[in-house]
Amino acid sequence: MERTTDIEEKQIFDRLSRIGILGNVLLAAFKLLAGIFGRSGAMVSDAVHSLSDVFATLVAWIGVRLSKQAEDAEHPYGHERLECVASLILGLILAGTGLGIGWSGVRKLLWERGSIEIPTMLPLIAAVVSVAVKEAMYQYTMHYARKLDSAAFKADAWHHRSDAISSVGSFIGIGMAKLGFPVMDPVASLIICALILKVAFDICRDALAKMLDTSSGRAFEQKLGGFIKEQDGVKRIDLLRTRQFSNKIYVDLEIAVESDISLREAHRIAESVHSAVEAEFPNVKHIMIHVNPEDDGPSGA
C-alpha cells in the first residue's frame, strides 16, 4: 500500500467530506420534491435516506480527524480507535434509517393501503438519477477509503451504495405501481429496509472486531511470517501474534537467532526485522520483538 503524508490524508478526507455533504444535500432535495409532487412514498423515503447520509459523512469526517491526533501521555498508543467508534455510529445511523423506511412501508400496507396513490413519471426519473449519482459517489469514496484504509469512510461509502440500492428498489416499486400495482411502492420500502439493515450489520460487526483486539487473520500472519523468515539472521519464528487497532496492526514477535552471537548483533537483527516489517507493511504501527537463542525451544510466552 502506498504511504501518504498526514497533510495529504487530511486534504483527501476534507475533499471526500465536502463532496459527500454537497452531493447528498442536492440529491435529497431533488428526490424529496420528486416524491412529494410525484406522489411516491418510496421516493420520499429515499430522500430521507440521502439526507441521513449528510450526517453520516459529518460523523466520518469528525471520527477520522480525531483518530489522527498524535499520541499523548494519556493515550500512548494513539487515537485510531476513534475511527472505529465513528464507523460504529455510522452503522447504527444506517440501521435507524433502514428501520424508519421499513416502518413507513409497513404503515402504508397495514393502515393506509386505501390511500396509496399511483406515482407520476417524476419519481421514476429521480430514481434513475439517484442510482447513477450515488453509485458514482460510492466508487469515488471507496477508492480513497481503500487507499487510506479508513474504516469510517468505507462505512460512508457504503452509505452511498445503500442509497443507490434504495433508489433501485424505489425504481422497481414506482414502476410496478405505474403498471397498476400501487401496493408495490410501500413493498419497495420494505425491500430497501432489509438491504440497508444488512449493510448496517456488516459495518457494525467490522467496527466491533477492530475495537476488540481481533487477530489480523491467518492469511496476513502467514504473509508476515514468510517475510520475517527471509530476513538476515532470523533462524526461525517462535511466536507471532497480531491484533487490530482500528486500521492499524500491532505485532508481537519472538525470533530465534544463532546462540553464540553477541548481544549487539542480536539487537541489530531485531532492529533490522523491525524496520523491514514496518516498511513492507504500512498498516503495522508497531512490532515488539523478543530474541531467543537458536538452541532453546520456543518459549511460548
C-alpha atoms as a PDB file:
ATOM      1  CA  MET A   1       0.000   0.000   0.000  1.00  0.00           C
ATOM      2  CA  GLU A   2       1.354   3.435  -0.938  1.00  0.00           C
ATOM      3  CA  ARG A   3       2.091   5.654   2.039  1.00  0.00           C
ATOM      4  CA  THR A   4       0.580   9.124   2.172  1.00  0.00           C
ATOM      5  CA  THR A   5       1.563  12.032   4.398  1.00  0.00           C
ATOM      6  CA  ASP A   6      -0.732  13.326   7.145  1.00  0.00           C
ATOM      7  CA  ILE A   7      -1.307  16.520   5.152  1.00  0.00           C
ATOM      8  CA  GLU A   8      -2.285  14.547   2.034  1.00  0.00           C
ATOM      9  CA  GLU A   9      -4.648  12.373   4.060  1.00  0.00           C
ATOM     10  CA  LYS A  10      -6.288  15.430   5.619  1.00  0.00           C
ATOM     11  CA  GLN A  11      -6.777  17.005   2.189  1.00  0.00           C
ATOM     12  CA  ILE A  12      -8.326  13.798   0.816  1.00  0.00           C
ATOM     13  CA  PHE A  13     -10.673  13.371   3.781  1.00  0.00           C
ATOM     14  CA  ASP A  14     -11.736  17.022   3.617  1.00  0.00           C
ATOM     15  CA  ARG A  15     -12.435  16.700  -0.100  1.00  0.00           C
ATOM     16  CA  LEU A  16     -14.441  13.498   0.390  1.00  0.00           C
ATOM     17  CA  SER A  17     -16.482  15.199   3.102  1.00  0.00           C
ATOM     18  CA  ARG A  18     -17.251  18.283   1.006  1.00  0.00           C
ATOM     19  CA  ILE A  19     -18.320  16.208  -1.987  1.00  0.00           C
ATOM     20  CA  GLY A  20     -20.374  13.850   0.173  1.00  0.00           C
ATOM     21  CA  ILE A  21     -22.222  16.590   2.022  1.00  0.00           C
ATOM     22  CA  LEU A  22     -22.936  18.787  -1.007  1.00  0.00           C
ATOM     23  CA  GLY A  23     -23.920  15.846  -3.198  1.00  0.00           C
ATOM     24  CA  ASN A  24     -26.290  14.405  -0.618  1.00  0.00           C
ATOM     25  CA  VAL A  25     -27.963  17.731   0.182  1.00  0.00           C
ATOM     26  CA  LEU A  26     -28.668  18.429  -3.505  1.00  0.00           C
ATOM     27  CA  LEU A  27     -29.793  14.871  -4.206  1.00  0.00           C
ATOM     28  CA  ALA A  28     -32.014  14.690  -1.107  1.00  0.00           C
ATOM     29  CA  ALA A  29     -33.744  17.947  -2.052  1.00  0.00           C
ATOM     30  CA  PHE A  30     -34.295  16.729  -5.626  1.00  0.00           C
ATOM     31  CA  LYS A  31     -35.694  13.361  -4.507  1.00  0.00           C
ATOM     32  CA  LEU A  32     -37.900  14.908  -1.816  1.00  0.00           C
ATOM     33  CA  LEU A  33     -39.518  17.262  -4.310  1.00  0.00           C
ATOM     34  CA  ALA A  34     -39.890  14.423  -6.826  1.00  0.00           C
ATOM     35  CA  GLY A  35     -41.501  12.207  -4.180  1.00  0.00           C
ATOM     36  CA  ILE A  36     -43.931  14.876  -2.968  1.00  0.00           C
ATOM     37  CA  PHE A  37     -45.008  16.191  -6.360  1.00  0.00           C
ATOM     38  CA  GLY A  38     -44.788  12.753  -7.964  1.00  0.00           C
ATOM     39  CA  ARG A  39     -46.908  11.085  -5.233  1.00  0.00           C
ATOM     40  CA  SER A  40     -44.327   8.427  -4.320  1.00  0.00           C
ATOM     41  CA  GLY A  41     -43.817   7.364  -0.712  1.00  0.00           C
ATOM     42  CA  ALA A  42     -40.852   5.219  -1.739  1.00  0.00           C
ATOM     43  CA  MET A  43     -39.096   8.247  -3.227  1.00  0.00           C
ATOM     44  CA  VAL A  44     -39.775  10.343  -0.117  1.00  0.00           C
ATOM     45  CA  SER A  45     -38.206   7.523   1.944  1.00  0.00           C
ATOM     46  CA  ASP A  46     -35.302   7.501  -0.485  1.00  0.00           C
ATOM     47  CA  ALA A  47     -34.838  11.240   0.039  1.00  0.00           C
ATOM     48  CA  VAL A  48     -34.739  10.782   3.821  1.00  0.00           C
ATOM     49  CA  HIS A  49     -32.045   8.153   3.316  1.00  0.00           C
ATOM     50  CA  SER A  50     -29.947  10.601   1.267  1.00  0.00           C
ATOM     51  CA  LEU A  51     -30.409  13.268   3.936  1.00  0.00           C
ATOM     52  CA  SER A  52     -29.167  10.881   6.627  1.00  0.00           C
ATOM     53  CA  ASP A  53     -26.008  10.436   4.548  1.00  0.00           C
ATOM     54  CA  VAL A  54     -25.156  14.107   5.182  1.00  0.00           C
ATOM     55  CA  PHE A  55     -24.954  13.387   8.915  1.00  0.00           C
ATOM     56  CA  ALA A  56     -23.087  10.144   8.195  1.00  0.00           C
ATOM     57  CA  THR A  57     -20.393  11.982   6.232  1.00  0.00           C
ATOM     58  CA  LEU A  58     -20.009  14.522   9.045  1.00  0.00           C
ATOM     59  CA  VAL A  59     -19.571  11.693  11.576  1.00  0.00           C
ATOM     60  CA  ALA A  60     -16.966  10.019   9.328  1.00  0.00           C
ATOM     61  CA  TRP A  61     -15.045  13.278   8.917  1.00  0.00           C
ATOM     62  CA  ILE A  62     -15.056  14.067  12.663  1.00  0.00           C
ATOM     63  CA  GLY A  63     -14.081  10.485  13.553  1.00  0.00           C
ATOM     64  CA  VAL A  64     -11.156  10.454  11.136  1.00  0.00           C
ATOM     65  CA  ARG A  65      -9.892  13.872  12.241  1.00  0.00           C
ATOM     66  CA  LEU A  66      -9.969  12.818  15.911  1.00  0.00           C
ATOM     67  CA  SER A  67      -8.294   9.478  15.162  1.00  0.00           C
ATOM     68  CA  LYS A  68      -5.341  11.254  13.507  1.00  0.00           C
ATOM     69  CA  GLN A  69      -4.347  13.038  16.722  1.00  0.00           C
ATOM     70  CA  ALA A  70      -0.817  12.263  17.878  1.00  0.00           C
ATOM     71  CA  GLU A  71      -0.087  10.025  20.851  1.00  0.00           C
ATOM     72  CA  ASP A  72      -0.073  11.734  24.243  1.00  0.00           C
ATOM     73  CA  ALA A  73       0.560  10.840  27.885  1.00  0.00           C
ATOM     74  CA  GLU A  74      -2.985   9.543  28.394  1.00  0.00           C
ATOM     75  CA  HIS A  75      -3.159   7.752  25.029  1.00  0.00           C
ATOM     76  CA  PRO A  76       0.344   6.385  24.336  1.00  0.00           C
ATOM     77  CA  TYR A  77      -0.994   4.024  21.650  1.00  0.00           C
ATOM     78  CA  GLY A  78      -2.712   6.811  19.725  1.00  0.00           C
ATOM     79  CA  HIS A  79      -6.336   7.553  18.931  1.00  0.00           C
ATOM     80  CA  GLU A  80      -7.014   5.293  15.924  1.00  0.00           C
ATOM     81  CA  ARG A  81      -9.901   3.514  17.643  1.00  0.00           C
ATOM     82  CA  LEU A  82     -11.937   6.717  17.490  1.00  0.00           C
ATOM     83  CA  GLU A  83     -12.347   5.924  13.795  1.00  0.00           C
ATOM     84  CA  CYS A  84     -13.903   2.589  14.801  1.00  0.00           C
ATOM     85  CA  VAL A  85     -16.283   4.477  17.092  1.00  0.00           C
ATOM     86  CA  ALA A  86     -17.256   6.689  14.149  1.00  0.00           C
ATOM     87  CA  SER A  87     -17.754   3.620  11.964  1.00  0.00           C
ATOM     88  CA  LEU A  88     -19.961   2.019  14.628  1.00  0.00           C
ATOM     89  CA  ILE A  89     -22.046   5.198  14.885  1.00  0.00           C
ATOM     90  CA  LEU A  90     -22.402   5.230  11.092  1.00  0.00           C
ATOM     91  CA  GLY A  91     -23.637   1.640  11.151  1.00  0.00           C
ATOM     92  CA  LEU A  92     -26.220   2.486  13.815  1.00  0.00           C
ATOM     93  CA  ILE A  93     -27.355   5.564  11.865  1.00  0.00           C
ATOM     94  CA  LEU A  94     -27.767   3.402   8.785  1.00  0.00           C
ATOM     95  CA  ALA A  95     -29.748   0.813  10.769  1.00  0.00           C
ATOM     96  CA  GLY A  96     -32.020   3.544  12.135  1.00  0.00           C
ATOM     97  CA  THR A  97     -32.597   4.889   8.633  1.00  0.00           C
ATOM     98  CA  GLY A  98     -33.457   1.417   7.369  1.00  0.00           C
ATOM     99  CA  LEU A  99     -35.915   0.791  10.196  1.00  0.00           C
ATOM    100  CA  GLY A 100     -37.564   4.158   9.555  1.00  0.00           C
ATOM    101  CA  ILE A 101     -38.015   3.351   5.873  1.00  0.00           C
ATOM    102  CA  GLY A 102     -39.344  -0.107   6.759  1.00  0.00           C
ATOM    103  CA  TRP A 103     -41.837   1.322   9.240  1.00  0.00           C
ATOM    104  CA  SER A 104     -43.113   3.742   6.593  1.00  0.00           C
ATOM    105  CA  GLY A 105     -43.787   0.803   4.263  1.00  0.00           C
ATOM    106  CA  VAL A 106     -45.489  -1.255   6.983  1.00  0.00           C
ATOM    107  CA  ARG A 107     -47.710   1.674   7.970  1.00  0.00           C
ATOM    108  CA  LYS A 108     -48.881   2.179   4.400  1.00  0.00           C
ATOM    109  CA  LEU A 109     -49.503  -1.523   3.854  1.00  0.00           C
ATOM    110  CA  LEU A 110     -51.445  -2.091   7.091  1.00  0.00           C
ATOM    111  CA  TRP A 111     -53.221   1.172   7.825  1.00  0.00           C
ATOM    112  CA  GLU A 112     -53.011   3.457   4.791  1.00  0.00           C
ATOM    113  CA  ARG A 113     -53.405   0.961   1.973  1.00  0.00           C
ATOM    114  CA  GLY A 114     -56.542   2.566   0.605  1.00  0.00           C
ATOM    115  CA  SER A 115     -54.837   5.939   0.260  1.00  0.00           C
ATOM    116  CA  ILE A 116     -51.823   4.739  -1.761  1.00  0.00           C
ATOM    117  CA  GLU A 117     -51.564   6.809  -4.941  1.00  0.00           C
ATOM    118  CA  ILE A 118     -50.097   5.843  -8.279  1.00  0.00           C
ATOM    119  CA  PRO A 119     -46.869   7.842  -8.758  1.00  0.00           C
ATOM    120  CA  THR A 120     -46.137  10.039 -11.770  1.00  0.00           C
ATOM    121  CA  MET A 121     -43.083   9.743 -14.037  1.00  0.00           C
ATOM    122  CA  LEU A 122     -41.135  12.321 -11.997  1.00  0.00           C
ATOM    123  CA  PRO A 123     -40.059   9.993  -9.144  1.00  0.00           C
ATOM    124  CA  LEU A 124     -39.163   7.336 -11.698  1.00  0.00           C
ATOM    125  CA  ILE A 125     -36.729   9.759 -13.341  1.00  0.00           C
ATOM    126  CA  ALA A 126     -35.433  10.797  -9.925  1.00  0.00           C
ATOM    127  CA  ALA A 127     -34.702   7.153  -9.077  1.00  0.00           C
ATOM    128  CA  VAL A 128     -32.570   6.729 -12.216  1.00  0.00           C
ATOM    129  CA  VAL A 129     -30.630   9.940 -11.485  1.00  0.00           C
ATOM    130  CA  SER A 130     -30.122   8.853  -7.868  1.00  0.00           C
ATOM    131  CA  VAL A 131     -28.747   5.427  -8.804  1.00  0.00           C
ATOM    132  CA  ALA A 132     -26.209   6.976 -11.185  1.00  0.00           C
ATOM    133  CA  VAL A 133     -25.103   9.746  -8.800  1.00  0.00           C
ATOM    134  CA  LYS A 134     -24.910   7.617  -5.649  1.00  0.00           C
ATOM    135  CA  GLU A 135     -23.040   4.771  -7.341  1.00  0.00           C
ATOM    136  CA  ALA A 136     -20.514   7.313  -8.635  1.00  0.00           C
ATOM    137  CA  MET A 137     -20.159   8.716  -5.093  1.00  0.00           C
ATOM    138  CA  TYR A 138     -19.687   5.180  -3.738  1.00  0.00           C
ATOM    139  CA  GLN A 139     -16.917   4.390  -6.229  1.00  0.00           C
ATOM    140  CA  TYR A 140     -15.151   7.703  -5.588  1.00  0.00           C
ATOM    141  CA  THR A 141     -15.338   7.466  -1.782  1.00  0.00           C
ATOM    142  CA  MET A 142     -14.429   3.781  -1.632  1.00  0.00           C
ATOM    143  CA  HIS A 143     -11.403   4.335  -3.891  1.00  0.00           C
ATOM    144  CA  TYR A 144      -9.835   6.738  -1.404  1.00  0.00           C
ATOM    145  CA  ALA A 145     -11.141   4.875   1.665  1.00  0.00           C
ATOM    146  CA  ARG A 146      -9.302   1.762   0.478  1.00  0.00           C
ATOM    147  CA  LYS A 147      -6.219   3.765  -0.457  1.00  0.00           C
ATOM    148  CA  LEU A 148      -6.041   5.191   3.073  1.00  0.00           C
ATOM    149  CA  ASP A 149      -7.599   2.112   4.737  1.00  0.00           C
ATOM    150  CA  SER A 150     -10.211   4.243   6.501  1.00  0.00           C
ATOM    151  CA  ALA A 151     -12.970   2.213   8.188  1.00  0.00           C
ATOM    152  CA  ALA A 152     -15.108   5.319   8.715  1.00  0.00           C
ATOM    153  CA  PHE A 153     -15.034   6.384   5.068  1.00  0.00           C
ATOM    154  CA  LYS A 154     -15.549   2.794   3.910  1.00  0.00           C
ATOM    155  CA  ALA A 155     -18.720   2.871   6.004  1.00  0.00           C
ATOM    156  CA  ASP A 156     -19.583   6.253   4.482  1.00  0.00           C
ATOM    157  CA  ALA A 157     -19.059   4.785   1.004  1.00  0.00           C
ATOM    158  CA  TRP A 158     -21.493   2.007   1.885  1.00  0.00           C
ATOM    159  CA  HIS A 159     -23.982   4.675   2.890  1.00  0.00           C
ATOM    160  CA  HIS A 160     -23.739   5.933  -0.698  1.00  0.00           C
ATOM    161  CA  ARG A 161     -24.056   2.396  -2.118  1.00  0.00           C
ATOM    162  CA  SER A 162     -27.058   1.607   0.107  1.00  0.00           C
ATOM    163  CA  ASP A 163     -28.702   4.793  -1.161  1.00  0.00           C
ATOM    164  CA  ALA A 164     -28.127   3.602  -4.731  1.00  0.00           C
ATOM    165  CA  ILE A 165     -29.680   0.230  -3.809  1.00  0.00           C
ATOM    166  CA  SER A 166     -32.535   2.121  -2.159  1.00  0.00           C
ATOM    167  CA  SER A 167     -33.130   4.004  -5.398  1.00  0.00           C
ATOM    168  CA  VAL A 168     -33.124   0.746  -7.392  1.00  0.00           C
ATOM    169  CA  GLY A 169     -35.837  -0.527  -5.046  1.00  0.00           C
ATOM    170  CA  SER A 170     -37.728   2.739  -5.474  1.00  0.00           C
ATOM    171  CA  PHE A 171     -37.481   2.449  -9.261  1.00  0.00           C
ATOM    172  CA  ILE A 172     -38.909  -1.081  -9.228  1.00  0.00           C
ATOM    173  CA  GLY A 173     -41.677  -0.163  -6.776  1.00  0.00           C
ATOM    174  CA  ILE A 174     -42.645   3.005  -8.638  1.00  0.00           C
ATOM    175  CA  GLY A 175     -42.532   1.216 -11.991  1.00  0.00           C
ATOM    176  CA  MET A 176     -44.785  -1.576 -10.716  1.00  0.00           C
ATOM    177  CA  ALA A 177     -47.149   0.993  -9.215  1.00  0.00           C
ATOM    178  CA  LYS A 178     -47.451   2.733 -12.586  1.00  0.00           C
ATOM    179  CA  LEU A 179     -48.252  -0.620 -14.183  1.00  0.00           C
ATOM    180  CA  GLY A 180     -51.282  -0.921 -11.912  1.00  0.00           C
ATOM    181  CA  PHE A 181     -49.812  -2.342  -8.707  1.00  0.00           C
ATOM    182  CA  PRO A 182     -49.673   0.671  -6.342  1.00  0.00           C
ATOM    183  CA  VAL A 183     -49.069  -1.618  -3.360  1.00  0.00           C
ATOM    184  CA  MET A 184     -45.575  -2.264  -4.723  1.00  0.00           C
ATOM    185  CA  ASP A 185     -44.497   1.272  -3.786  1.00  0.00           C
ATOM    186  CA  PRO A 186     -44.560   0.568   0.002  1.00  0.00           C
ATOM    187  CA  VAL A 187     -43.363  -3.015  -0.626  1.00  0.00           C
ATOM    188  CA  ALA A 188     -40.263  -1.468  -2.201  1.00  0.00           C
ATOM    189  CA  SER A 189     -39.700   0.410   1.068  1.00  0.00           C
ATOM    190  CA  LEU A 190     -39.617  -2.933   2.936  1.00  0.00           C
ATOM    191  CA  ILE A 191     -37.084  -4.373   0.486  1.00  0.00           C
ATOM    192  CA  ILE A 192     -34.960  -1.252   0.853  1.00  0.00           C
ATOM    193  CA  CYS A 193     -35.145  -1.628   4.641  1.00  0.00           C
ATOM    194  CA  ALA A 194     -33.852  -5.221   4.513  1.00  0.00           C
ATOM    195  CA  LEU A 195     -30.927  -4.313   2.247  1.00  0.00           C
ATOM    196  CA  ILE A 196     -29.916  -1.356   4.395  1.00  0.00           C
ATOM    197  CA  LEU A 197     -30.060  -3.366   7.633  1.00  0.00           C
ATOM    198  CA  LYS A 198     -27.727  -5.988   6.117  1.00  0.00           C
ATOM    199  CA  VAL A 199     -25.133  -3.320   5.260  1.00  0.00           C
ATOM    200  CA  ALA A 200     -25.532  -1.721   8.709  1.00  0.00           C
ATOM    201  CA  PHE A 201     -24.917  -5.082  10.395  1.00  0.00           C
ATOM    202  CA  ASP A 202     -21.718  -5.664   8.399  1.00  0.00           C
ATOM    203  CA  ILE A 203     -20.383  -2.190   9.230  1.00  0.00           C
ATOM    204  CA  CYS A 204     -21.076  -2.574  12.963  1.00  0.00           C
ATOM    205  CA  ARG A 205     -19.572  -6.065  13.068  1.00  0.00           C
ATOM    206  CA  ASP A 206     -16.352  -4.855  11.384  1.00  0.00           C
ATOM    207  CA  ALA A 207     -16.079  -1.856  13.749  1.00  0.00           C
ATOM    208  CA  LEU A 208     -16.535  -4.025  16.850  1.00  0.00           C
ATOM    209  CA  ALA A 209     -13.987  -6.572  15.609  1.00  0.00           C
ATOM    210  CA  LYS A 210     -11.363  -3.834  15.244  1.00  0.00           C
ATOM    211  CA  MET A 211     -12.117  -2.491  18.725  1.00  0.00           C
ATOM    212  CA  LEU A 212     -11.657  -5.881  20.424  1.00  0.00           C
ATOM    213  CA  ASP A 213      -8.010  -6.610  19.511  1.00  0.00           C
ATOM    214  CA  THR A 214      -9.089  -9.145  16.911  1.00  0.00           C
ATOM    215  CA  SER A 215      -6.334 -11.003  15.054  1.00  0.00           C
ATOM    216  CA  SER A 216      -5.448  -9.690  11.611  1.00  0.00           C
ATOM    217  CA  GLY A 217      -6.234 -13.122  10.189  1.00  0.00           C
ATOM    218  CA  ARG A 218      -4.316 -16.229   9.175  1.00  0.00           C
ATOM    219  CA  ALA A 219      -3.631 -15.049   5.622  1.00  0.00           C
ATOM    220  CA  PHE A 220      -1.961 -11.836   6.803  1.00  0.00           C
ATOM    221  CA  GLU A 221       0.009 -13.611   9.524  1.00  0.00           C
ATOM    222  CA  GLN A 222       1.270 -16.222   7.061  1.00  0.00           C
ATOM    223  CA  LYS A 223       2.391 -13.490   4.673  1.00  0.00           C
ATOM    224  CA  LEU A 224       4.033 -11.562   7.508  1.00  0.00           C
ATOM    225  CA  GLY A 225       5.710 -14.710   8.888  1.00  0.00           C
ATOM    226  CA  GLY A 226       7.077 -15.640   5.477  1.00  0.00           C
ATOM    227  CA  PHE A 227       8.568 -12.175   5.084  1.00  0.00           C
ATOM    228  CA  ILE A 228      10.188 -12.270   8.545  1.00  0.00           C
ATOM    229  CA  LYS A 229      11.757 -15.697   7.924  1.00  0.00           C
ATOM    230  CA  GLU A 230      13.502 -14.260   4.858  1.00  0.00           C
ATOM    231  CA  GLN A 231      15.280 -11.579   6.903  1.00  0.00           C
ATOM    232  CA  ASP A 232      19.018 -11.893   7.510  1.00  0.00           C
ATOM    233  CA  GLY A 233      19.878 -13.579  10.798  1.00  0.00           C
ATOM    234  CA  VAL A 234      16.416 -14.996  11.554  1.00  0.00           C
ATOM    235  CA  LYS A 235      16.642 -18.766  12.108  1.00  0.00           C
ATOM    236  CA  ARG A 236      13.005 -19.377  12.996  1.00  0.00           C
ATOM    237  CA  ILE A 237       9.864 -17.737  14.382  1.00  0.00           C
ATOM    238  CA  ASP A 238       8.928 -18.897  17.875  1.00  0.00           C
ATOM    239  CA  LEU A 239       5.812 -16.758  18.273  1.00  0.00           C
ATOM    240  CA  LEU A 240       3.804 -14.401  16.083  1.00  0.00           C
ATOM    241  CA  ARG A 241       0.651 -12.624  17.204  1.00  0.00           C
ATOM    242  CA  THR A 242      -1.216  -9.732  15.625  1.00  0.00           C
ATOM    243  CA  ARG A 243      -4.065  -7.537  16.796  1.00  0.00           C
ATOM    244  CA  GLN A 244      -6.163  -4.931  15.052  1.00  0.00           C
ATOM    245  CA  PHE A 245      -6.121  -1.390  16.387  1.00  0.00           C
ATOM    246  CA  SER A 246      -8.664   0.262  14.104  1.00  0.00           C
ATOM    247  CA  ASN A 247      -6.979   0.246  10.673  1.00  0.00           C
ATOM    248  CA  LYS A 248      -3.543  -0.280  12.244  1.00  0.00           C
ATOM    249  CA  ILE A 249      -1.908  -3.518  13.392  1.00  0.00           C
ATOM    250  CA  TYR A 250       0.263  -4.293  16.394  1.00  0.00           C
ATOM    251  CA  VAL A 251       2.579  -7.320  16.214  1.00  0.00           C
ATOM    252  CA  ASP A 252       4.187  -9.389  18.993  1.00  0.00           C
ATOM    253  CA  LEU A 253       7.079 -11.465  17.673  1.00  0.00           C
ATOM    254  CA  GLU A 254       9.669 -13.878  19.018  1.00  0.00           C
ATOM    255  CA  ILE A 255      12.525 -14.868  16.712  1.00  0.00           C
ATOM    256  CA  ALA A 256      15.445 -17.256  17.201  1.00  0.00           C
ATOM    257  CA  VAL A 257      18.972 -16.249  16.215  1.00  0.00           C
ATOM    258  CA  GLU A 258      22.350 -18.014  16.417  1.00  0.00           C
ATOM    259  CA  SER A 259      23.171 -18.770  20.035  1.00  0.00           C
ATOM    260  CA  ASP A 260      26.809 -17.635  20.022  1.00  0.00           C
ATOM    261  CA  ILE A 261      26.458 -14.159  18.519  1.00  0.00           C
ATOM    262  CA  SER A 262      26.909 -11.033  20.629  1.00  0.00           C
ATOM    263  CA  LEU A 263      24.062  -9.120  22.229  1.00  0.00           C
ATOM    264  CA  ARG A 264      24.889  -6.206  19.930  1.00  0.00           C
ATOM    265  CA  GLU A 265      24.495  -8.430  16.838  1.00  0.00           C
ATOM    266  CA  ALA A 266      21.223  -9.920  18.131  1.00  0.00           C
ATOM    267  CA  HIS A 267      19.961  -6.391  18.708  1.00  0.00           C
ATOM    268  CA  ARG A 268      20.982  -5.403  15.165  1.00  0.00           C
ATOM    269  CA  ILE A 269      18.995  -8.321  13.713  1.00  0.00           C
ATOM    270  CA  ALA A 270      15.925  -7.380  15.738  1.00  0.00           C
ATOM    271  CA  GLU A 271      16.187  -3.736  14.650  1.00  0.00           C
ATOM    272  CA  SER A 272      16.595  -4.818  11.032  1.00  0.00           C
ATOM    273  CA  VAL A 273      13.469  -7.002  11.207  1.00  0.00           C
ATOM    274  CA  HIS A 274      11.564  -4.197  12.944  1.00  0.00           C
ATOM    275  CA  SER A 275      12.416  -1.654  10.230  1.00  0.00           C
ATOM    276  CA  ALA A 276      11.835  -4.095   7.360  1.00  0.00           C
ATOM    277  CA  VAL A 277       8.372  -5.112   8.593  1.00  0.00           C
ATOM    278  CA  GLU A 278       7.159  -1.557   9.141  1.00  0.00           C
ATOM    279  CA  ALA A 279       8.471  -0.553   5.702  1.00  0.00           C
ATOM    280  CA  GLU A 280       6.888  -3.543   3.914  1.00  0.00           C
ATOM    281  CA  PHE A 281       3.560  -3.465   5.775  1.00  0.00           C
ATOM    282  CA  PRO A 282       2.360   0.160   6.162  1.00  0.00           C
ATOM    283  CA  ASN A 283      -0.575  -0.877   8.379  1.00  0.00           C
ATOM    284  CA  VAL A 284       1.792  -2.267  11.018  1.00  0.00           C
ATOM    285  CA  LYS A 285       2.024   0.579  13.509  1.00  0.00           C
ATOM    286  CA  HIS A 286       4.498  -1.196  15.782  1.00  0.00           C
ATOM    287  CA  ILE A 287       6.169  -4.583  16.169  1.00  0.00           C
ATOM    288  CA  MET A 288       7.566  -5.724  19.507  1.00  0.00           C
ATOM    289  CA  ILE A 289      10.393  -8.255  19.029  1.00  0.00           C
ATOM    290  CA  HIS A 290      11.858 -10.673  21.565  1.00  0.00           C
ATOM    291  CA  VAL A 291      15.056 -12.555  20.635  1.00  0.00           C
ATOM    292  CA  ASN A 292      15.677 -16.202  21.652  1.00  0.00           C
ATOM    293  CA  PRO A 293      18.891 -18.255  21.237  1.00  0.00           C
ATOM    294  CA  GLU A 294      18.535 -20.826  18.462  1.00  0.00           C
ATOM    295  CA  ASP A 295      19.381 -23.825  20.640  1.00  0.00           C
ATOM    296  CA  ASP A 296      16.468 -23.111  23.009  1.00  0.00           C
ATOM    297  CA  GLY A 297      12.973 -24.232  22.104  1.00  0.00           C
ATOM    298  CA  PRO A 298      10.110 -21.735  21.619  1.00  0.00           C
ATOM    299  CA  SER A 299       9.251 -20.012  24.893  1.00  0.00           C
ATOM    300  CA  GLY A 300       5.529 -19.983  24.144  1.00  0.00           C
ATOM    301  CA  ALA A 301       5.209 -16.710  26.023  1.00  0.00           C
END
